[in-house]
Amino acid sequence: RVTDEVIYYRKWIKETFPLSLGEV
């Protein structure tokens, strides 16, 4: 099972550290 906390953490990373155009 993948815990909710792992899913929250992955979403937090995606929202908090989005890729810049240069990084993309």
mmCIF file of all heavy atoms, coordinates in Angstrom:
data_MODEL
# 
_entry.id   MODEL 
# 
loop_
_atom_site.group_PDB 
_atom_site.id 
_atom_site.type_symbol 
_atom_site.label_atom_id 
_atom_site.label_alt_id 
_atom_site.label_comp_id 
_atom_site.label_asym_id 
_atom_site.label_entity_id 
_atom_site.label_seq_id 
_atom_site.pdbx_PDB_ins_code 
_atom_site.Cartn_x 
_atom_site.Cartn_y 
_atom_site.Cartn_z 
_atom_site.occupancy 
_atom_site.B_iso_or_equiv 
_atom_site.pdbx_formal_charge 
_atom_site.auth_seq_id 
_atom_site.auth_comp_id 
_atom_site.auth_asym_id 
_atom_site.auth_atom_id 
_atom_site.pdbx_PDB_model_num 
ATOM 1   N N   . ARG A 1 1  ? 0.851  -1.188 0.000   1.00 0.00 ? 1  ARG A N   1 
ATOM 2   C CA  . ARG A 1 1  ? 0.000  0.000  0.000   1.00 0.00 ? 1  ARG A CA  1 
ATOM 3   C C   . ARG A 1 1  ? 0.888  1.239  0.000   1.00 0.00 ? 1  ARG A C   1 
ATOM 4   O O   . ARG A 1 1  ? 1.946  1.258  0.629   1.00 0.00 ? 1  ARG A O   1 
ATOM 5   C CB  . ARG A 1 1  ? -0.913 0.031  1.229   1.00 0.00 ? 1  ARG A CB  1 
ATOM 6   C CG  . ARG A 1 1  ? -1.945 -1.094 1.292   1.00 0.00 ? 1  ARG A CG  1 
ATOM 7   C CD  . ARG A 1 1  ? -2.994 -0.964 0.208   1.00 0.00 ? 1  ARG A CD  1 
ATOM 8   N NE  . ARG A 1 1  ? -3.984 -2.032 0.246   1.00 0.00 ? 1  ARG A NE  1 
ATOM 9   C CZ  . ARG A 1 1  ? -5.162 -1.938 0.839   1.00 0.00 ? 1  ARG A CZ  1 
ATOM 10  N NH1 . ARG A 1 1  ? -5.509 -0.815 1.449   1.00 0.00 ? 1  ARG A NH1 1 
ATOM 11  N NH2 . ARG A 1 1  ? -6.007 -2.953 0.830   1.00 0.00 ? 1  ARG A NH2 1 
ATOM 12  N N   . VAL A 1 2  ? 0.437  2.270  -0.684  1.00 0.00 ? 2  VAL A N   1 
ATOM 13  C CA  . VAL A 1 2  ? 1.105  3.574  -0.661  1.00 0.00 ? 2  VAL A CA  1 
ATOM 14  C C   . VAL A 1 2  ? 0.300  4.467  0.263   1.00 0.00 ? 2  VAL A C   1 
ATOM 15  O O   . VAL A 1 2  ? -0.895 4.691  0.026   1.00 0.00 ? 2  VAL A O   1 
ATOM 16  C CB  . VAL A 1 2  ? 1.192  4.186  -2.076  1.00 0.00 ? 2  VAL A CB  1 
ATOM 17  C CG1 . VAL A 1 2  ? 1.846  5.565  -2.020  1.00 0.00 ? 2  VAL A CG1 1 
ATOM 18  C CG2 . VAL A 1 2  ? 1.974  3.263  -3.002  1.00 0.00 ? 2  VAL A CG2 1 
ATOM 19  N N   . THR A 1 3  ? 0.914  4.963  1.309   1.00 0.00 ? 3  THR A N   1 
ATOM 20  C CA  . THR A 1 3  ? 0.176  5.733  2.310   1.00 0.00 ? 3  THR A CA  1 
ATOM 21  C C   . THR A 1 3  ? -0.233 7.100  1.770   1.00 0.00 ? 3  THR A C   1 
ATOM 22  O O   . THR A 1 3  ? 0.398  7.649  0.863   1.00 0.00 ? 3  THR A O   1 
ATOM 23  C CB  . THR A 1 3  ? 1.014  5.933  3.585   1.00 0.00 ? 3  THR A CB  1 
ATOM 24  O OG1 . THR A 1 3  ? 2.188  6.693  3.258   1.00 0.00 ? 3  THR A OG1 1 
ATOM 25  C CG2 . THR A 1 3  ? 1.423  4.597  4.199   1.00 0.00 ? 3  THR A CG2 1 
ATOM 26  N N   . ASP A 1 4  ? -1.281 7.645  2.373   1.00 0.00 ? 4  ASP A N   1 
ATOM 27  C CA  . ASP A 1 4  ? -1.735 8.985  1.995   1.00 0.00 ? 4  ASP A CA  1 
ATOM 28  C C   . ASP A 1 4  ? -0.629 10.012 2.190   1.00 0.00 ? 4  ASP A C   1 
ATOM 29  O O   . ASP A 1 4  ? -0.492 10.955 1.415   1.00 0.00 ? 4  ASP A O   1 
ATOM 30  C CB  . ASP A 1 4  ? -2.953 9.381  2.839   1.00 0.00 ? 4  ASP A CB  1 
ATOM 31  C CG  . ASP A 1 4  ? -4.206 8.616  2.444   1.00 0.00 ? 4  ASP A CG  1 
ATOM 32  O OD1 . ASP A 1 4  ? -4.176 7.922  1.409   1.00 0.00 ? 4  ASP A OD1 1 
ATOM 33  O OD2 . ASP A 1 4  ? -5.212 8.700  3.169   1.00 0.00 ? 4  ASP A OD2 1 
ATOM 34  N N   . GLU A 1 5  ? 0.187  9.826  3.226   1.00 0.00 ? 5  GLU A N   1 
ATOM 35  C CA  . GLU A 1 5  ? 1.229  10.815 3.503   1.00 0.00 ? 5  GLU A CA  1 
ATOM 36  C C   . GLU A 1 5  ? 2.269  10.865 2.391   1.00 0.00 ? 5  GLU A C   1 
ATOM 37  O O   . GLU A 1 5  ? 2.785  11.941 2.055   1.00 0.00 ? 5  GLU A O   1 
ATOM 38  C CB  . GLU A 1 5  ? 1.906  10.511 4.844   1.00 0.00 ? 5  GLU A CB  1 
ATOM 39  C CG  . GLU A 1 5  ? 2.802  11.634 5.305   1.00 0.00 ? 5  GLU A CG  1 
ATOM 40  C CD  . GLU A 1 5  ? 3.297  11.453 6.722   1.00 0.00 ? 5  GLU A CD  1 
ATOM 41  O OE1 . GLU A 1 5  ? 2.898  10.482 7.389   1.00 0.00 ? 5  GLU A OE1 1 
ATOM 42  O OE2 . GLU A 1 5  ? 4.102  12.301 7.158   1.00 0.00 ? 5  GLU A OE2 1 
ATOM 43  N N   . VAL A 1 6  ? 2.585  9.734  1.803   1.00 0.00 ? 6  VAL A N   1 
ATOM 44  C CA  . VAL A 1 6  ? 3.504  9.724  0.659   1.00 0.00 ? 6  VAL A CA  1 
ATOM 45  C C   . VAL A 1 6  ? 2.880  10.458 -0.528  1.00 0.00 ? 6  VAL A C   1 
ATOM 46  O O   . VAL A 1 6  ? 3.538  11.236 -1.219  1.00 0.00 ? 6  VAL A O   1 
ATOM 47  C CB  . VAL A 1 6  ? 3.866  8.280  0.266   1.00 0.00 ? 6  VAL A CB  1 
ATOM 48  C CG1 . VAL A 1 6  ? 4.619  8.254  -1.062  1.00 0.00 ? 6  VAL A CG1 1 
ATOM 49  C CG2 . VAL A 1 6  ? 4.714  7.631  1.351   1.00 0.00 ? 6  VAL A CG2 1 
ATOM 50  N N   . ILE A 1 7  ? 1.597  10.234 -0.744  1.00 0.00 ? 7  ILE A N   1 
ATOM 51  C CA  . ILE A 1 7  ? 0.904  10.909 -1.852  1.00 0.00 ? 7  ILE A CA  1 
ATOM 52  C C   . ILE A 1 7  ? 0.851  12.412 -1.604  1.00 0.00 ? 7  ILE A C   1 
ATOM 53  O O   . ILE A 1 7  ? 1.088  13.212 -2.517  1.00 0.00 ? 7  ILE A O   1 
ATOM 54  C CB  . ILE A 1 7  ? -0.507 10.327 -2.026  1.00 0.00 ? 7  ILE A CB  1 
ATOM 55  C CG1 . ILE A 1 7  ? -0.420 8.843  -2.382  1.00 0.00 ? 7  ILE A CG1 1 
ATOM 56  C CG2 . ILE A 1 7  ? -1.285 11.093 -3.107  1.00 0.00 ? 7  ILE A CG2 1 
ATOM 57  C CD1 . ILE A 1 7  ? -1.740 8.136  -2.416  1.00 0.00 ? 7  ILE A CD1 1 
ATOM 58  N N   . TYR A 1 8  ? 0.562  12.831 -0.351  1.00 0.00 ? 8  TYR A N   1 
ATOM 59  C CA  . TYR A 1 8  ? 0.558  14.260 -0.022  1.00 0.00 ? 8  TYR A CA  1 
ATOM 60  C C   . TYR A 1 8  ? 1.943  14.864 -0.268  1.00 0.00 ? 8  TYR A C   1 
ATOM 61  O O   . TYR A 1 8  ? 2.076  15.965 -0.802  1.00 0.00 ? 8  TYR A O   1 
ATOM 62  C CB  . TYR A 1 8  ? 0.199  14.485 1.448   1.00 0.00 ? 8  TYR A CB  1 
ATOM 63  C CG  . TYR A 1 8  ? -1.122 13.931 1.885   1.00 0.00 ? 8  TYR A CG  1 
ATOM 64  C CD1 . TYR A 1 8  ? -1.300 13.461 3.190   1.00 0.00 ? 8  TYR A CD1 1 
ATOM 65  C CD2 . TYR A 1 8  ? -2.218 13.871 1.028   1.00 0.00 ? 8  TYR A CD2 1 
ATOM 66  C CE1 . TYR A 1 8  ? -2.509 12.940 3.617   1.00 0.00 ? 8  TYR A CE1 1 
ATOM 67  C CE2 . TYR A 1 8  ? -3.423 13.360 1.443   1.00 0.00 ? 8  TYR A CE2 1 
ATOM 68  C CZ  . TYR A 1 8  ? -3.567 12.889 2.738   1.00 0.00 ? 8  TYR A CZ  1 
ATOM 69  O OH  . TYR A 1 8  ? -4.747 12.378 3.161   1.00 0.00 ? 8  TYR A OH  1 
ATOM 70  N N   . TYR A 1 9  ? 2.975  14.125 0.128   1.00 0.00 ? 9  TYR A N   1 
ATOM 71  C CA  . TYR A 1 9  ? 4.338  14.622 -0.024  1.00 0.00 ? 9  TYR A CA  1 
ATOM 72  C C   . TYR A 1 9  ? 4.694  14.824 -1.497  1.00 0.00 ? 9  TYR A C   1 
ATOM 73  O O   . TYR A 1 9  ? 5.283  15.845 -1.880  1.00 0.00 ? 9  TYR A O   1 
ATOM 74  C CB  . TYR A 1 9  ? 5.306  13.636 0.631   1.00 0.00 ? 9  TYR A CB  1 
ATOM 75  C CG  . TYR A 1 9  ? 6.772  14.010 0.491   1.00 0.00 ? 9  TYR A CG  1 
ATOM 76  C CD1 . TYR A 1 9  ? 7.257  15.200 1.024   1.00 0.00 ? 9  TYR A CD1 1 
ATOM 77  C CD2 . TYR A 1 9  ? 7.667  13.157 -0.164  1.00 0.00 ? 9  TYR A CD2 1 
ATOM 78  C CE1 . TYR A 1 9  ? 8.600  15.538 0.906   1.00 0.00 ? 9  TYR A CE1 1 
ATOM 79  C CE2 . TYR A 1 9  ? 8.998  13.486 -0.293  1.00 0.00 ? 9  TYR A CE2 1 
ATOM 80  C CZ  . TYR A 1 9  ? 9.456  14.677 0.244   1.00 0.00 ? 9  TYR A CZ  1 
ATOM 81  O OH  . TYR A 1 9  ? 10.785 15.005 0.114   1.00 0.00 ? 9  TYR A OH  1 
ATOM 82  N N   . ARG A 1 10 ? 4.310  13.874 -2.334  1.00 0.00 ? 10 ARG A N   1 
ATOM 83  C CA  . ARG A 1 10 ? 4.596  14.008 -3.763  1.00 0.00 ? 10 ARG A CA  1 
ATOM 84  C C   . ARG A 1 10 ? 3.832  15.182 -4.365  1.00 0.00 ? 10 ARG A C   1 
ATOM 85  O O   . ARG A 1 10 ? 4.361  15.901 -5.225  1.00 0.00 ? 10 ARG A O   1 
ATOM 86  C CB  . ARG A 1 10 ? 4.251  12.714 -4.489  1.00 0.00 ? 10 ARG A CB  1 
ATOM 87  C CG  . ARG A 1 10 ? 5.036  11.505 -4.027  1.00 0.00 ? 10 ARG A CG  1 
ATOM 88  C CD  . ARG A 1 10 ? 4.806  10.292 -4.908  1.00 0.00 ? 10 ARG A CD  1 
ATOM 89  N NE  . ARG A 1 10 ? 5.570  10.381 -6.145  1.00 0.00 ? 10 ARG A NE  1 
ATOM 90  C CZ  . ARG A 1 10 ? 5.548  9.448  -7.085  1.00 0.00 ? 10 ARG A CZ  1 
ATOM 91  N NH1 . ARG A 1 10 ? 4.792  8.378  -6.945  1.00 0.00 ? 10 ARG A NH1 1 
ATOM 92  N NH2 . ARG A 1 10 ? 6.270  9.589  -8.189  1.00 0.00 ? 10 ARG A NH2 1 
ATOM 93  N N   . LYS A 1 11 ? 2.592  15.391 -3.938  1.00 0.00 ? 11 LYS A N   1 
ATOM 94  C CA  . LYS A 1 11 ? 1.821  16.530 -4.429  1.00 0.00 ? 11 LYS A CA  1 
ATOM 95  C C   . LYS A 1 11 ? 2.432  17.842 -3.940  1.00 0.00 ? 11 LYS A C   1 
ATOM 96  O O   . LYS A 1 11 ? 2.470  18.838 -4.674  1.00 0.00 ? 11 LYS A O   1 
ATOM 97  C CB  . LYS A 1 11 ? 0.368  16.416 -3.959  1.00 0.00 ? 11 LYS A CB  1 
ATOM 98  C CG  . LYS A 1 11 ? -0.430 15.321 -4.663  1.00 0.00 ? 11 LYS A CG  1 
ATOM 99  C CD  . LYS A 1 11 ? -1.902 15.358 -4.251  1.00 0.00 ? 11 LYS A CD  1 
ATOM 100 C CE  . LYS A 1 11 ? -2.713 14.348 -5.047  1.00 0.00 ? 11 LYS A CE  1 
ATOM 101 N NZ  . LYS A 1 11 ? -4.153 14.383 -4.692  1.00 0.00 ? 11 LYS A NZ  1 
ATOM 102 N N   . TRP A 1 12 ? 2.896  17.838 -2.690  1.00 0.00 ? 12 TRP A N   1 
ATOM 103 C CA  . TRP A 1 12 ? 3.527  19.038 -2.122  1.00 0.00 ? 12 TRP A CA  1 
ATOM 104 C C   . TRP A 1 12 ? 4.770  19.412 -2.921  1.00 0.00 ? 12 TRP A C   1 
ATOM 105 O O   . TRP A 1 12 ? 5.003  20.590 -3.210  1.00 0.00 ? 12 TRP A O   1 
ATOM 106 C CB  . TRP A 1 12 ? 3.881  18.767 -0.660  1.00 0.00 ? 12 TRP A CB  1 
ATOM 107 C CG  . TRP A 1 12 ? 4.628  19.860 0.023   1.00 0.00 ? 12 TRP A CG  1 
ATOM 108 C CD1 . TRP A 1 12 ? 4.138  21.063 0.443   1.00 0.00 ? 12 TRP A CD1 1 
ATOM 109 C CD2 . TRP A 1 12 ? 6.023  19.854 0.371   1.00 0.00 ? 12 TRP A CD2 1 
ATOM 110 N NE1 . TRP A 1 12 ? 5.142  21.808 1.037   1.00 0.00 ? 12 TRP A NE1 1 
ATOM 111 C CE2 . TRP A 1 12 ? 6.298  21.081 1.006   1.00 0.00 ? 12 TRP A CE2 1 
ATOM 112 C CE3 . TRP A 1 12 ? 7.041  18.924 0.225   1.00 0.00 ? 12 TRP A CE3 1 
ATOM 113 C CZ2 . TRP A 1 12 ? 7.563  21.398 1.494   1.00 0.00 ? 12 TRP A CZ2 1 
ATOM 114 C CZ3 . TRP A 1 12 ? 8.304  19.231 0.701   1.00 0.00 ? 12 TRP A CZ3 1 
ATOM 115 C CH2 . TRP A 1 12 ? 8.542  20.463 1.324   1.00 0.00 ? 12 TRP A CH2 1 
ATOM 116 N N   . ILE A 1 13 ? 5.558  18.421 -3.319  1.00 0.00 ? 13 ILE A N   1 
ATOM 117 C CA  . ILE A 1 13 ? 6.745  18.690 -4.131  1.00 0.00 ? 13 ILE A CA  1 
ATOM 118 C C   . ILE A 1 13 ? 6.343  19.290 -5.476  1.00 0.00 ? 13 ILE A C   1 
ATOM 119 O O   . ILE A 1 13 ? 6.931  20.282 -5.933  1.00 0.00 ? 13 ILE A O   1 
ATOM 120 C CB  . ILE A 1 13 ? 7.556  17.392 -4.347  1.00 0.00 ? 13 ILE A CB  1 
ATOM 121 C CG1 . ILE A 1 13 ? 8.258  16.989 -3.050  1.00 0.00 ? 13 ILE A CG1 1 
ATOM 122 C CG2 . ILE A 1 13 ? 8.575  17.571 -5.471  1.00 0.00 ? 13 ILE A CG2 1 
ATOM 123 C CD1 . ILE A 1 13 ? 9.004  15.674 -3.139  1.00 0.00 ? 13 ILE A CD1 1 
ATOM 124 N N   . LYS A 1 14 ? 5.350  18.711 -6.117  1.00 0.00 ? 14 LYS A N   1 
ATOM 125 C CA  . LYS A 1 14 ? 4.934  19.182 -7.441  1.00 0.00 ? 14 LYS A CA  1 
ATOM 126 C C   . LYS A 1 14 ? 4.435  20.619 -7.382  1.00 0.00 ? 14 LYS A C   1 
ATOM 127 O O   . LYS A 1 14 ? 4.696  21.420 -8.290  1.00 0.00 ? 14 LYS A O   1 
ATOM 128 C CB  . LYS A 1 14 ? 3.848  18.259 -7.980  1.00 0.00 ? 14 LYS A CB  1 
ATOM 129 C CG  . LYS A 1 14 ? 3.562  18.413 -9.468  1.00 0.00 ? 14 LYS A CG  1 
ATOM 130 C CD  . LYS A 1 14 ? 2.582  17.375 -9.946  1.00 0.00 ? 14 LYS A CD  1 
ATOM 131 C CE  . LYS A 1 14 ? 2.417  17.407 -11.453 1.00 0.00 ? 14 LYS A CE  1 
ATOM 132 N NZ  . LYS A 1 14 ? 3.620  16.965 -12.171 1.00 0.00 ? 14 LYS A NZ  1 
ATOM 133 N N   . GLU A 1 15 ? 3.713  20.955 -6.295  1.00 0.00 ? 15 GLU A N   1 
ATOM 134 C CA  . GLU A 1 15 ? 3.147  22.296 -6.169  1.00 0.00 ? 15 GLU A CA  1 
ATOM 135 C C   . GLU A 1 15 ? 4.162  23.320 -5.681  1.00 0.00 ? 15 GLU A C   1 
ATOM 136 O O   . GLU A 1 15 ? 4.126  24.488 -6.082  1.00 0.00 ? 15 GLU A O   1 
ATOM 137 C CB  . GLU A 1 15 ? 1.952  22.262 -5.212  1.00 0.00 ? 15 GLU A CB  1 
ATOM 138 C CG  . GLU A 1 15 ? 0.778  21.434 -5.740  1.00 0.00 ? 15 GLU A CG  1 
ATOM 139 C CD  . GLU A 1 15 ? -0.256 21.153 -4.674  1.00 0.00 ? 15 GLU A CD  1 
ATOM 140 O OE1 . GLU A 1 15 ? -0.050 21.593 -3.515  1.00 0.00 ? 15 GLU A OE1 1 
ATOM 141 O OE2 . GLU A 1 15 ? -1.266 20.481 -4.978  1.00 0.00 ? 15 GLU A OE2 1 
ATOM 142 N N   . THR A 1 16 ? 5.073  22.904 -4.812  1.00 0.00 ? 16 THR A N   1 
ATOM 143 C CA  . THR A 1 16 ? 6.003  23.834 -4.172  1.00 0.00 ? 16 THR A CA  1 
ATOM 144 C C   . THR A 1 16 ? 7.255  24.063 -5.001  1.00 0.00 ? 16 THR A C   1 
ATOM 145 O O   . THR A 1 16 ? 7.854  25.131 -4.950  1.00 0.00 ? 16 THR A O   1 
ATOM 146 C CB  . THR A 1 16 ? 6.402  23.305 -2.779  1.00 0.00 ? 16 THR A CB  1 
ATOM 147 O OG1 . THR A 1 16 ? 5.221  22.953 -2.059  1.00 0.00 ? 16 THR A OG1 1 
ATOM 148 C CG2 . THR A 1 16 ? 7.173  24.356 -1.996  1.00 0.00 ? 16 THR A CG2 1 
ATOM 149 N N   . PHE A 1 17 ? 7.671  23.040 -5.774  1.00 0.00 ? 17 PHE A N   1 
ATOM 150 C CA  . PHE A 1 17 ? 8.910  23.147 -6.537  1.00 0.00 ? 17 PHE A CA  1 
ATOM 151 C C   . PHE A 1 17 ? 8.650  22.866 -8.020  1.00 0.00 ? 17 PHE A C   1 
ATOM 152 O O   . PHE A 1 17 ? 9.185  21.908 -8.590  1.00 0.00 ? 17 PHE A O   1 
ATOM 153 C CB  . PHE A 1 17 ? 9.951  22.162 -5.992  1.00 0.00 ? 17 PHE A CB  1 
ATOM 154 C CG  . PHE A 1 17 ? 10.238 22.321 -4.529  1.00 0.00 ? 17 PHE A CG  1 
ATOM 155 C CD1 . PHE A 1 17 ? 9.611  21.498 -3.600  1.00 0.00 ? 17 PHE A CD1 1 
ATOM 156 C CD2 . PHE A 1 17 ? 11.110 23.295 -4.082  1.00 0.00 ? 17 PHE A CD2 1 
ATOM 157 C CE1 . PHE A 1 17 ? 9.867  21.633 -2.255  1.00 0.00 ? 17 PHE A CE1 1 
ATOM 158 C CE2 . PHE A 1 17 ? 11.366 23.438 -2.725  1.00 0.00 ? 17 PHE A CE2 1 
ATOM 159 C CZ  . PHE A 1 17 ? 10.741 22.613 -1.806  1.00 0.00 ? 17 PHE A CZ  1 
ATOM 160 N N   . PRO A 1 18 ? 7.813  23.691 -8.665  1.00 0.00 ? 18 PRO A N   1 
ATOM 161 C CA  . PRO A 1 18 ? 7.533  23.458 -10.097 1.00 0.00 ? 18 PRO A CA  1 
ATOM 162 C C   . PRO A 1 18 ? 8.792  23.710 -10.927 1.00 0.00 ? 18 PRO A C   1 
ATOM 163 O O   . PRO A 1 18 ? 9.671  24.487 -10.545 1.00 0.00 ? 18 PRO A O   1 
ATOM 164 C CB  . PRO A 1 18 ? 6.439  24.483 -10.412 1.00 0.00 ? 18 PRO A CB  1 
ATOM 165 C CG  . PRO A 1 18 ? 6.652  25.584 -9.404  1.00 0.00 ? 18 PRO A CG  1 
ATOM 166 C CD  . PRO A 1 18 ? 7.138  24.902 -8.161  1.00 0.00 ? 18 PRO A CD  1 
ATOM 167 N N   . LEU A 1 19 ? 8.854  23.051 -12.057 1.00 0.00 ? 19 LEU A N   1 
ATOM 168 C CA  . LEU A 1 19 ? 9.997  23.223 -12.942 1.00 0.00 ? 19 LEU A CA  1 
ATOM 169 C C   . LEU A 1 19 ? 9.927  24.574 -13.641 1.00 0.00 ? 19 LEU A C   1 
ATOM 170 O O   . LEU A 1 19 ? 8.860  24.996 -14.099 1.00 0.00 ? 19 LEU A O   1 
ATOM 171 C CB  . LEU A 1 19 ? 10.024 22.120 -14.001 1.00 0.00 ? 19 LEU A CB  1 
ATOM 172 C CG  . LEU A 1 19 ? 10.278 20.691 -13.505 1.00 0.00 ? 19 LEU A CG  1 
ATOM 173 C CD1 . LEU A 1 19 ? 10.161 19.725 -14.678 1.00 0.00 ? 19 LEU A CD1 1 
ATOM 174 C CD2 . LEU A 1 19 ? 11.636 20.567 -12.855 1.00 0.00 ? 19 LEU A CD2 1 
ATOM 175 N N   . SER A 1 20 ? 11.059 25.241 -13.722 1.00 0.00 ? 20 SER A N   1 
ATOM 176 C CA  . SER A 1 20 ? 11.140 26.472 -14.513 1.00 0.00 ? 20 SER A CA  1 
ATOM 177 C C   . SER A 1 20 ? 11.252 26.103 -15.990 1.00 0.00 ? 20 SER A C   1 
ATOM 178 O O   . SER A 1 20 ? 11.486 24.946 -16.347 1.00 0.00 ? 20 SER A O   1 
ATOM 179 C CB  . SER A 1 20 ? 12.367 27.284 -14.090 1.00 0.00 ? 20 SER A CB  1 
ATOM 180 O OG  . SER A 1 20 ? 13.560 26.587 -14.415 1.00 0.00 ? 20 SER A OG  1 
ATOM 181 N N   . LEU A 1 21 ? 11.088 27.093 -16.861 1.00 0.00 ? 21 LEU A N   1 
ATOM 182 C CA  . LEU A 1 21 ? 11.176 26.838 -18.298 1.00 0.00 ? 21 LEU A CA  1 
ATOM 183 C C   . LEU A 1 21 ? 12.546 26.293 -18.673 1.00 0.00 ? 21 LEU A C   1 
ATOM 184 O O   . LEU A 1 21 ? 12.668 25.388 -19.500 1.00 0.00 ? 21 LEU A O   1 
ATOM 185 C CB  . LEU A 1 21 ? 10.888 28.122 -19.080 1.00 0.00 ? 21 LEU A CB  1 
ATOM 186 C CG  . LEU A 1 21 ? 9.433  28.610 -19.048 1.00 0.00 ? 21 LEU A CG  1 
ATOM 187 C CD1 . LEU A 1 21 ? 9.307  29.925 -19.802 1.00 0.00 ? 21 LEU A CD1 1 
ATOM 188 C CD2 . LEU A 1 21 ? 8.514  27.552 -19.665 1.00 0.00 ? 21 LEU A CD2 1 
ATOM 189 N N   . GLY A 1 22 ? 13.581 26.837 -18.047 1.00 0.00 ? 22 GLY A N   1 
ATOM 190 C CA  . GLY A 1 22 ? 14.938 26.362 -18.337 1.00 0.00 ? 22 GLY A CA  1 
ATOM 191 C C   . GLY A 1 22 ? 15.128 24.920 -17.914 1.00 0.00 ? 22 GLY A C   1 
ATOM 192 O O   . GLY A 1 22 ? 15.778 24.139 -18.608 1.00 0.00 ? 22 GLY A O   1 
ATOM 193 N N   . GLU A 1 23 ? 14.556 24.554 -16.765 1.00 0.00 ? 23 GLU A N   1 
ATOM 194 C CA  . GLU A 1 23 ? 14.684 23.178 -16.285 1.00 0.00 ? 23 GLU A CA  1 
ATOM 195 C C   . GLU A 1 23 ? 13.903 22.216 -17.169 1.00 0.00 ? 23 GLU A C   1 
ATOM 196 O O   . GLU A 1 23 ? 14.345 21.093 -17.428 1.00 0.00 ? 23 GLU A O   1 
ATOM 197 C CB  . GLU A 1 23 ? 14.207 23.093 -14.834 1.00 0.00 ? 23 GLU A CB  1 
ATOM 198 C CG  . GLU A 1 23 ? 15.147 23.785 -13.855 1.00 0.00 ? 23 GLU A CG  1 
ATOM 199 C CD  . GLU A 1 23 ? 14.518 23.958 -12.484 1.00 0.00 ? 23 GLU A CD  1 
ATOM 200 O OE1 . GLU A 1 23 ? 13.261 23.975 -12.394 1.00 0.00 ? 23 GLU A OE1 1 
ATOM 201 O OE2 . GLU A 1 23 ? 15.276 24.100 -11.501 1.00 0.00 ? 23 GLU A OE2 1 
ATOM 202 N N   . VAL A 1 24 ? 12.732 22.646 -17.649 1.00 0.00 ? 24 VAL A N   1 
ATOM 203 C CA  . VAL A 1 24 ? 11.957 21.802 -18.558 1.00 0.00 ? 24 VAL A CA  1 
ATOM 204 C C   . VAL A 1 24 ? 12.738 21.555 -19.840 1.00 0.00 ? 24 VAL A C   1 
ATOM 205 O O   . VAL A 1 24 ? 12.821 20.430 -20.344 1.00 0.00 ? 24 VAL A O   1 
ATOM 206 C CB  . VAL A 1 24 ? 10.596 22.449 -18.878 1.00 0.00 ? 24 VAL A CB  1 
ATOM 207 C CG1 . VAL A 1 24 ? 9.890  21.673 -19.978 1.00 0.00 ? 24 VAL A CG1 1 
ATOM 208 C CG2 . VAL A 1 24 ? 9.733  22.504 -17.629 1.00 0.00 ? 24 VAL A CG2 1 
# 
